[in-house]
PDB file of all heavy atoms in Angstrom:
ATOM      1  N   GLY A   1      12.682  -0.878 -11.426  1.00  0.00           N
ATOM      2  CA  GLY A   1      13.030  -1.776 -12.525  1.00  0.00           C
ATOM      3  C   GLY A   1      14.201  -1.245 -13.325  1.00  0.00           C
ATOM      4  O   GLY A   1      15.002  -2.086 -13.858  1.00  0.00           O
ATOM      5  N   ILE A   2      14.357   0.061 -13.441  1.00  0.00           N
ATOM      6  CA  ILE A   2      15.410   0.581 -14.233  1.00  0.00           C
ATOM      7  C   ILE A   2      16.718   0.822 -13.440  1.00  0.00           C
ATOM      8  O   ILE A   2      17.796   1.214 -13.968  1.00  0.00           O
ATOM      9  CB  ILE A   2      14.995   1.956 -14.879  1.00  0.00           C
ATOM     10  CG1 ILE A   2      15.850   2.321 -16.034  1.00  0.00           C
ATOM     11  CG2 ILE A   2      14.980   3.069 -13.872  1.00  0.00           C
ATOM     12  CD1 ILE A   2      15.369   3.475 -16.892  1.00  0.00           C
ATOM     13  N   SER A   3      16.601   0.609 -12.135  1.00  0.00           N
ATOM     14  CA  SER A   3      17.771   0.959 -11.224  1.00  0.00           C
ATOM     15  C   SER A   3      18.319  -0.269 -10.530  1.00  0.00           C
ATOM     16  O   SER A   3      19.021  -0.138  -9.472  1.00  0.00           O
ATOM     17  CB  SER A   3      17.286   1.977 -10.178  1.00  0.00           C
ATOM     18  OG  SER A   3      16.820   3.158 -10.855  1.00  0.00           O
ATOM     19  N   GLN A   4      18.031  -1.463 -11.034  1.00  0.00           N
ATOM     20  CA  GLN A   4      18.605  -2.735 -10.455  1.00  0.00           C
ATOM     21  C   GLN A   4      18.176  -2.889  -9.040  1.00  0.00           C
ATOM     22  O   GLN A   4      18.933  -3.351  -8.204  1.00  0.00           O
ATOM     23  CB  GLN A   4      20.106  -2.782 -10.598  1.00  0.00           C
ATOM     24  CG  GLN A   4      20.623  -2.760 -12.065  1.00  0.00           C
ATOM     25  CD  GLN A   4      22.110  -2.718 -12.173  1.00  0.00           C
ATOM     26  OE1 GLN A   4      22.750  -1.718 -11.881  1.00  0.00           O
ATOM     27  NE2 GLN A   4      22.681  -3.905 -12.444  1.00  0.00           N
ATOM     28  N   MET A   5      16.972  -2.536  -8.734  1.00  0.00           N
ATOM     29  CA  MET A   5      16.456  -2.691  -7.370  1.00  0.00           C
ATOM     30  C   MET A   5      15.477  -3.863  -7.262  1.00  0.00           C
ATOM     31  O   MET A   5      14.403  -3.869  -7.979  1.00  0.00           O
ATOM     32  CB  MET A   5      15.743  -1.398  -6.945  1.00  0.00           C
ATOM     33  CG  MET A   5      16.632  -0.165  -6.906  1.00  0.00           C
ATOM     34  SD  MET A   5      15.706   1.390  -6.487  1.00  0.00           S
ATOM     35  CE  MET A   5      15.170   1.041  -4.834  1.00  0.00           C
ATOM     36  N   PRO A   6      15.704  -4.831  -6.388  1.00  0.00           N
ATOM     37  CA  PRO A   6      14.715  -5.877  -6.152  1.00  0.00           C
ATOM     38  C   PRO A   6      13.446  -5.253  -5.556  1.00  0.00           C
ATOM     39  O   PRO A   6      13.576  -4.351  -4.720  1.00  0.00           O
ATOM     40  CB  PRO A   6      15.410  -6.788  -5.158  1.00  0.00           C
ATOM     41  CG  PRO A   6      16.877  -6.457  -5.251  1.00  0.00           C
ATOM     42  CD  PRO A   6      16.933  -4.998  -5.612  1.00  0.00           C
ATOM     43  N   VAL A   7      12.315  -5.739  -5.933  1.00  0.00           N
ATOM     44  CA  VAL A   7      11.037  -5.194  -5.478  1.00  0.00           C
ATOM     45  C   VAL A   7      10.378  -6.122  -4.402  1.00  0.00           C
ATOM     46  O   VAL A   7      10.219  -7.299  -4.662  1.00  0.00           O
ATOM     47  CB  VAL A   7      10.098  -4.999  -6.646  1.00  0.00           C
ATOM     48  CG1 VAL A   7       8.721  -4.320  -6.156  1.00  0.00           C
ATOM     49  CG2 VAL A   7      10.711  -4.051  -7.672  1.00  0.00           C
ATOM     50  N   ALA A   8      10.027  -5.547  -3.347  1.00  0.00           N
ATOM     51  CA  ALA A   8       9.398  -6.266  -2.290  1.00  0.00           C
ATOM     52  C   ALA A   8       7.881  -6.251  -2.524  1.00  0.00           C
ATOM     53  O   ALA A   8       7.279  -5.257  -2.840  1.00  0.00           O
ATOM     54  CB  ALA A   8       9.692  -5.745  -0.870  1.00  0.00           C
ATOM     55  N   GLY A   9       7.231  -7.407  -2.363  1.00  0.00           N
ATOM     56  CA  GLY A   9       5.788  -7.491  -2.553  1.00  0.00           C
ATOM     57  C   GLY A   9       5.072  -7.764  -1.211  1.00  0.00           C
ATOM     58  O   GLY A   9       5.694  -7.802  -0.190  1.00  0.00           O
ATOM     59  N   SER A  10       3.762  -7.921  -1.333  1.00  0.00           N
ATOM     60  CA  SER A  10       3.003  -8.250  -0.144  1.00  0.00           C
ATOM     61  C   SER A  10       1.926  -9.249  -0.477  1.00  0.00           C
ATOM     62  O   SER A  10       2.093 -10.069  -1.428  1.00  0.00           O
ATOM     63  CB  SER A  10       2.362  -6.925   0.373  1.00  0.00           C
ATOM     64  OG  SER A  10       1.674  -7.111   1.674  1.00  0.00           O
ATOM     65  N   THR A  11       0.831  -9.301   0.286  1.00  0.00           N
ATOM     66  CA  THR A  11      -0.208 -10.289   0.112  1.00  0.00           C
ATOM     67  C   THR A  11      -1.355  -9.709  -0.728  1.00  0.00           C
ATOM     68  O   THR A  11      -2.374 -10.353  -0.945  1.00  0.00           O
ATOM     69  CB  THR A  11      -0.765 -10.720   1.431  1.00  0.00           C
ATOM     70  OG1 THR A  11      -0.963  -9.569   2.255  1.00  0.00           O
ATOM     71  CG2 THR A  11       0.243 -11.672   2.144  1.00  0.00           C
ATOM     72  N   TYR A  12      -1.188  -8.462  -1.142  1.00  0.00           N
ATOM     73  CA  TYR A  12      -2.080  -7.748  -2.076  1.00  0.00           C
ATOM     74  C   TYR A  12      -1.229  -6.648  -2.648  1.00  0.00           C
ATOM     75  O   TYR A  12      -0.145  -6.389  -2.228  1.00  0.00           O
ATOM     76  CB  TYR A  12      -3.371  -7.300  -1.317  1.00  0.00           C
ATOM     77  CG  TYR A  12      -4.441  -6.903  -2.242  1.00  0.00           C
ATOM     78  CD1 TYR A  12      -5.270  -7.865  -2.881  1.00  0.00           C
ATOM     79  CD2 TYR A  12      -4.773  -5.545  -2.562  1.00  0.00           C
ATOM     80  CE1 TYR A  12      -6.280  -7.554  -3.711  1.00  0.00           C
ATOM     81  CE2 TYR A  12      -5.828  -5.206  -3.407  1.00  0.00           C
ATOM     82  CZ  TYR A  12      -6.557  -6.185  -4.004  1.00  0.00           C
ATOM     83  OH  TYR A  12      -7.577  -5.877  -4.854  1.00  0.00           O
ATOM     84  N   TRP A  13      -1.815  -5.938  -3.678  1.00  0.00           N
ATOM     85  CA  TRP A  13      -1.059  -4.801  -4.073  1.00  0.00           C
ATOM     86  C   TRP A  13      -0.967  -3.788  -3.007  1.00  0.00           C
ATOM     87  O   TRP A  13      -1.866  -3.721  -2.145  1.00  0.00           O
ATOM     88  CB  TRP A  13      -1.746  -4.221  -5.379  1.00  0.00           C
ATOM     89  CG  TRP A  13      -1.710  -5.117  -6.519  1.00  0.00           C
ATOM     90  CD1 TRP A  13      -0.696  -5.415  -7.304  1.00  0.00           C
ATOM     91  CD2 TRP A  13      -2.847  -5.856  -7.080  1.00  0.00           C
ATOM     92  NE1 TRP A  13      -1.046  -6.306  -8.296  1.00  0.00           N
ATOM     93  CE2 TRP A  13      -2.360  -6.601  -8.150  1.00  0.00           C
ATOM     94  CE3 TRP A  13      -4.212  -5.915  -6.702  1.00  0.00           C
ATOM     95  CZ2 TRP A  13      -3.185  -7.398  -8.868  1.00  0.00           C
ATOM     96  CZ3 TRP A  13      -5.041  -6.748  -7.446  1.00  0.00           C
ATOM     97  CH2 TRP A  13      -4.523  -7.475  -8.458  1.00  0.00           C
ATOM     98  N   ASN A  14       0.075  -3.017  -3.000  1.00  0.00           N
ATOM     99  CA  ASN A  14       0.364  -2.133  -1.861  1.00  0.00           C
ATOM    100  C   ASN A  14      -0.524  -0.892  -1.878  1.00  0.00           C
ATOM    101  O   ASN A  14      -0.095   0.207  -2.279  1.00  0.00           O
ATOM    102  CB  ASN A  14       1.867  -1.724  -1.831  1.00  0.00           C
ATOM    103  CG  ASN A  14       2.791  -2.916  -1.810  1.00  0.00           C
ATOM    104  OD1 ASN A  14       2.388  -3.973  -1.376  1.00  0.00           O
ATOM    105  ND2 ASN A  14       3.989  -2.760  -2.293  1.00  0.00           N
ATOM    106  N   LEU A  15      -1.762  -1.056  -1.533  1.00  0.00           N
ATOM    107  CA  LEU A  15      -2.777  -0.020  -1.599  1.00  0.00           C
ATOM    108  C   LEU A  15      -3.488   0.170  -0.286  1.00  0.00           C
ATOM    109  O   LEU A  15      -3.781  -0.798   0.431  1.00  0.00           O
ATOM    110  CB  LEU A  15      -3.852  -0.379  -2.648  1.00  0.00           C
ATOM    111  CG  LEU A  15      -3.321  -1.074  -3.980  1.00  0.00           C
ATOM    112  CD1 LEU A  15      -4.539  -1.409  -4.822  1.00  0.00           C
ATOM    113  CD2 LEU A  15      -2.398  -0.057  -4.712  1.00  0.00           C
ATOM    114  N   VAL A  16      -3.743   1.447   0.018  1.00  0.00           N
ATOM    115  CA  VAL A  16      -4.573   1.757   1.209  1.00  0.00           C
ATOM    116  C   VAL A  16      -5.642   2.838   0.722  1.00  0.00           C
ATOM    117  O   VAL A  16      -5.350   3.730  -0.051  1.00  0.00           O
ATOM    118  CB  VAL A  16      -3.720   2.379   2.317  1.00  0.00           C
ATOM    119  CG1 VAL A  16      -4.597   2.864   3.464  1.00  0.00           C
ATOM    120  CG2 VAL A  16      -2.755   1.291   2.862  1.00  0.00           C
ATOM    121  N   HIS A  17      -6.812   2.641   1.270  1.00  0.00           N
ATOM    122  CA  HIS A  17      -7.886   3.565   0.865  1.00  0.00           C
ATOM    123  C   HIS A  17      -8.313   4.505   2.016  1.00  0.00           C
ATOM    124  O   HIS A  17      -8.294   4.099   3.167  1.00  0.00           O
ATOM    125  CB  HIS A  17      -9.155   2.738   0.416  1.00  0.00           C
ATOM    126  CG  HIS A  17      -8.941   2.035  -0.855  1.00  0.00           C
ATOM    127  ND1 HIS A  17      -9.132   2.643  -2.104  1.00  0.00           N
ATOM    128  CD2 HIS A  17      -8.549   0.766  -1.160  1.00  0.00           C
ATOM    129  CE1 HIS A  17      -8.825   1.757  -3.079  1.00  0.00           C
ATOM    130  NE2 HIS A  17      -8.501   0.677  -2.505  1.00  0.00           N
ATOM    131  N   GLY A  18      -8.604   5.740   1.611  1.00  0.00           N
ATOM    132  CA  GLY A  18      -8.979   6.781   2.517  1.00  0.00           C
ATOM    133  C   GLY A  18      -8.991   8.118   1.848  1.00  0.00           C
ATOM    134  O   GLY A  18      -8.144   8.361   1.026  1.00  0.00           O
ATOM    135  N   CYS A  19      -9.875   8.958   2.189  1.00  0.00           N
ATOM    136  CA  CYS A  19      -9.926  10.290   1.611  1.00  0.00           C
ATOM    137  C   CYS A  19      -9.423  11.351   2.576  1.00  0.00           C
ATOM    138  O   CYS A  19      -8.358  11.919   2.414  1.00  0.00           O
ATOM    139  CB  CYS A  19     -11.328  10.652   1.168  1.00  0.00           C
ATOM    140  SG  CYS A  19     -11.539  12.210   0.269  1.00  0.00           S
ATOM    141  N   VAL A  20     -10.195  11.636   3.616  1.00  0.00           N
ATOM    142  CA  VAL A  20      -9.780  12.642   4.583  1.00  0.00           C
ATOM    143  C   VAL A  20      -8.893  11.936   5.584  1.00  0.00           C
ATOM    144  O   VAL A  20      -8.896  10.689   5.786  1.00  0.00           O
ATOM    145  CB  VAL A  20     -11.008  13.245   5.280  1.00  0.00           C
ATOM    146  CG1 VAL A  20     -11.854  14.005   4.249  1.00  0.00           C
ATOM    147  CG2 VAL A  20     -11.808  12.245   6.049  1.00  0.00           C
ATOM    148  N   PRO A  21      -7.997  12.663   6.238  1.00  0.00           N
ATOM    149  CA  PRO A  21      -7.080  12.057   7.267  1.00  0.00           C
ATOM    150  C   PRO A  21      -7.818  11.234   8.251  1.00  0.00           C
ATOM    151  O   PRO A  21      -8.957  11.530   8.605  1.00  0.00           O
ATOM    152  CB  PRO A  21      -6.438  13.375   7.897  1.00  0.00           C
ATOM    153  CG  PRO A  21      -6.463  14.331   6.830  1.00  0.00           C
ATOM    154  CD  PRO A  21      -7.730  14.139   6.094  1.00  0.00           C
ATOM    155  N   VAL A  22      -7.238  10.124   8.633  1.00  0.00           N
ATOM    156  CA  VAL A  22      -7.632   9.144   9.574  1.00  0.00           C
ATOM    157  C   VAL A  22      -8.499   8.082   8.958  1.00  0.00           C
ATOM    158  O   VAL A  22      -8.750   7.003   9.589  1.00  0.00           O
ATOM    159  CB  VAL A  22      -8.323   9.725  10.857  1.00  0.00           C
ATOM    160  CG1 VAL A  22      -7.549  10.804  11.474  1.00  0.00           C
ATOM    161  CG2 VAL A  22      -9.749  10.142  10.618  1.00  0.00           C
ATOM    162  N   GLU A  23      -9.013   8.265   7.721  1.00  0.00           N
ATOM    163  CA  GLU A  23      -9.898   7.253   7.160  1.00  0.00           C
ATOM    164  C   GLU A  23      -9.076   5.983   6.804  1.00  0.00           C
ATOM    165  O   GLU A  23      -9.659   4.891   6.766  1.00  0.00           O
ATOM    166  CB  GLU A  23     -10.572   7.773   5.852  1.00  0.00           C
ATOM    167  CG  GLU A  23     -11.818   8.594   6.184  1.00  0.00           C
ATOM    168  CD  GLU A  23     -12.633   8.897   4.894  1.00  0.00           C
ATOM    169  OE1 GLU A  23     -12.127   8.637   3.793  1.00  0.00           O
ATOM    170  OE2 GLU A  23     -13.707   9.393   5.086  1.00  0.00           O
ATOM    171  N   ALA A  24      -7.745   6.107   6.583  1.00  0.00           N
ATOM    172  CA  ALA A  24      -6.953   4.947   6.314  1.00  0.00           C
ATOM    173  C   ALA A  24      -6.979   3.952   7.472  1.00  0.00           C
ATOM    174  O   ALA A  24      -6.810   2.743   7.276  1.00  0.00           O
ATOM    175  CB  ALA A  24      -5.496   5.320   6.033  1.00  0.00           C
ATOM    176  N   GLU A  25      -7.220   4.459   8.636  1.00  0.00           N
ATOM    177  CA  GLU A  25      -7.356   3.592   9.843  1.00  0.00           C
ATOM    178  C   GLU A  25      -8.448   2.582   9.707  1.00  0.00           C
ATOM    179  O   GLU A  25      -8.376   1.545  10.306  1.00  0.00           O
ATOM    180  CB  GLU A  25      -7.574   4.539  11.072  1.00  0.00           C
ATOM    181  CG  GLU A  25      -7.186   3.899  12.348  1.00  0.00           C
ATOM    182  CD  GLU A  25      -5.657   3.776  12.521  1.00  0.00           C
ATOM    183  OE1 GLU A  25      -5.005   4.808  12.317  1.00  0.00           O
ATOM    184  OE2 GLU A  25      -5.267   2.715  12.869  1.00  0.00           O
ATOM    185  N   GLU A  26      -9.473   2.859   8.900  1.00  0.00           N
ATOM    186  CA  GLU A  26     -10.629   1.949   8.733  1.00  0.00           C
ATOM    187  C   GLU A  26     -10.337   0.892   7.671  1.00  0.00           C
ATOM    188  O   GLU A  26     -11.148  -0.067   7.642  1.00  0.00           O
ATOM    189  CB  GLU A  26     -11.813   2.799   8.343  1.00  0.00           C
ATOM    190  CG  GLU A  26     -12.242   3.839   9.383  1.00  0.00           C
ATOM    191  CD  GLU A  26     -13.401   4.707   8.884  1.00  0.00           C
ATOM    192  OE1 GLU A  26     -14.178   4.215   8.062  1.00  0.00           O
ATOM    193  OE2 GLU A  26     -13.534   5.837   9.388  1.00  0.00           O
ATOM    194  N   ASP A  27      -9.279   1.002   6.909  1.00  0.00           N
ATOM    195  CA  ASP A  27      -8.934   0.007   5.970  1.00  0.00           C
ATOM    196  C   ASP A  27      -8.107  -1.053   6.506  1.00  0.00           C
ATOM    197  O   ASP A  27      -6.880  -1.100   6.415  1.00  0.00           O
ATOM    198  CB  ASP A  27      -8.268   0.694   4.743  1.00  0.00           C
ATOM    199  CG  ASP A  27      -8.037  -0.261   3.521  1.00  0.00           C
ATOM    200  OD1 ASP A  27      -8.450  -1.417   3.660  1.00  0.00           O
ATOM    201  OD2 ASP A  27      -7.383   0.135   2.564  1.00  0.00           O
ATOM    202  N   ALA A  28      -8.726  -2.031   7.128  1.00  0.00           N
ATOM    203  CA  ALA A  28      -8.050  -3.073   7.878  1.00  0.00           C
ATOM    204  C   ALA A  28      -7.187  -3.925   6.949  1.00  0.00           C
ATOM    205  O   ALA A  28      -6.021  -4.238   7.241  1.00  0.00           O
ATOM    206  CB  ALA A  28      -9.021  -3.962   8.612  1.00  0.00           C
ATOM    207  N   GLU A  29      -7.704  -4.225   5.775  1.00  0.00           N
ATOM    208  CA  GLU A  29      -6.941  -5.016   4.856  1.00  0.00           C
ATOM    209  C   GLU A  29      -5.731  -4.229   4.276  1.00  0.00           C
ATOM    210  O   GLU A  29      -4.682  -4.792   4.083  1.00  0.00           O
ATOM    211  CB  GLU A  29      -7.772  -5.530   3.657  1.00  0.00           C
ATOM    212  CG  GLU A  29      -7.039  -6.435   2.775  1.00  0.00           C
ATOM    213  CD  GLU A  29      -7.835  -7.024   1.562  1.00  0.00           C
ATOM    214  OE1 GLU A  29      -9.034  -6.600   1.434  1.00  0.00           O
ATOM    215  OE2 GLU A  29      -7.326  -7.823   0.813  1.00  0.00           O
ATOM    216  N   GLY A  30      -5.952  -2.979   4.062  1.00  0.00           N
ATOM    217  CA  GLY A  30      -4.833  -2.164   3.542  1.00  0.00           C
ATOM    218  C   GLY A  30      -3.694  -2.098   4.541  1.00  0.00           C
ATOM    219  O   GLY A  30      -2.552  -2.249   4.154  1.00  0.00           O
TER     220      GLY A  30
END
């Protein structure tokens, strides 16, 4: 916002859930 950069959005906030490595693979919506 402070650097004159247009922001790309998605179909939800850009979030992925996972704790230990590889758990993000289970977040299909993310």
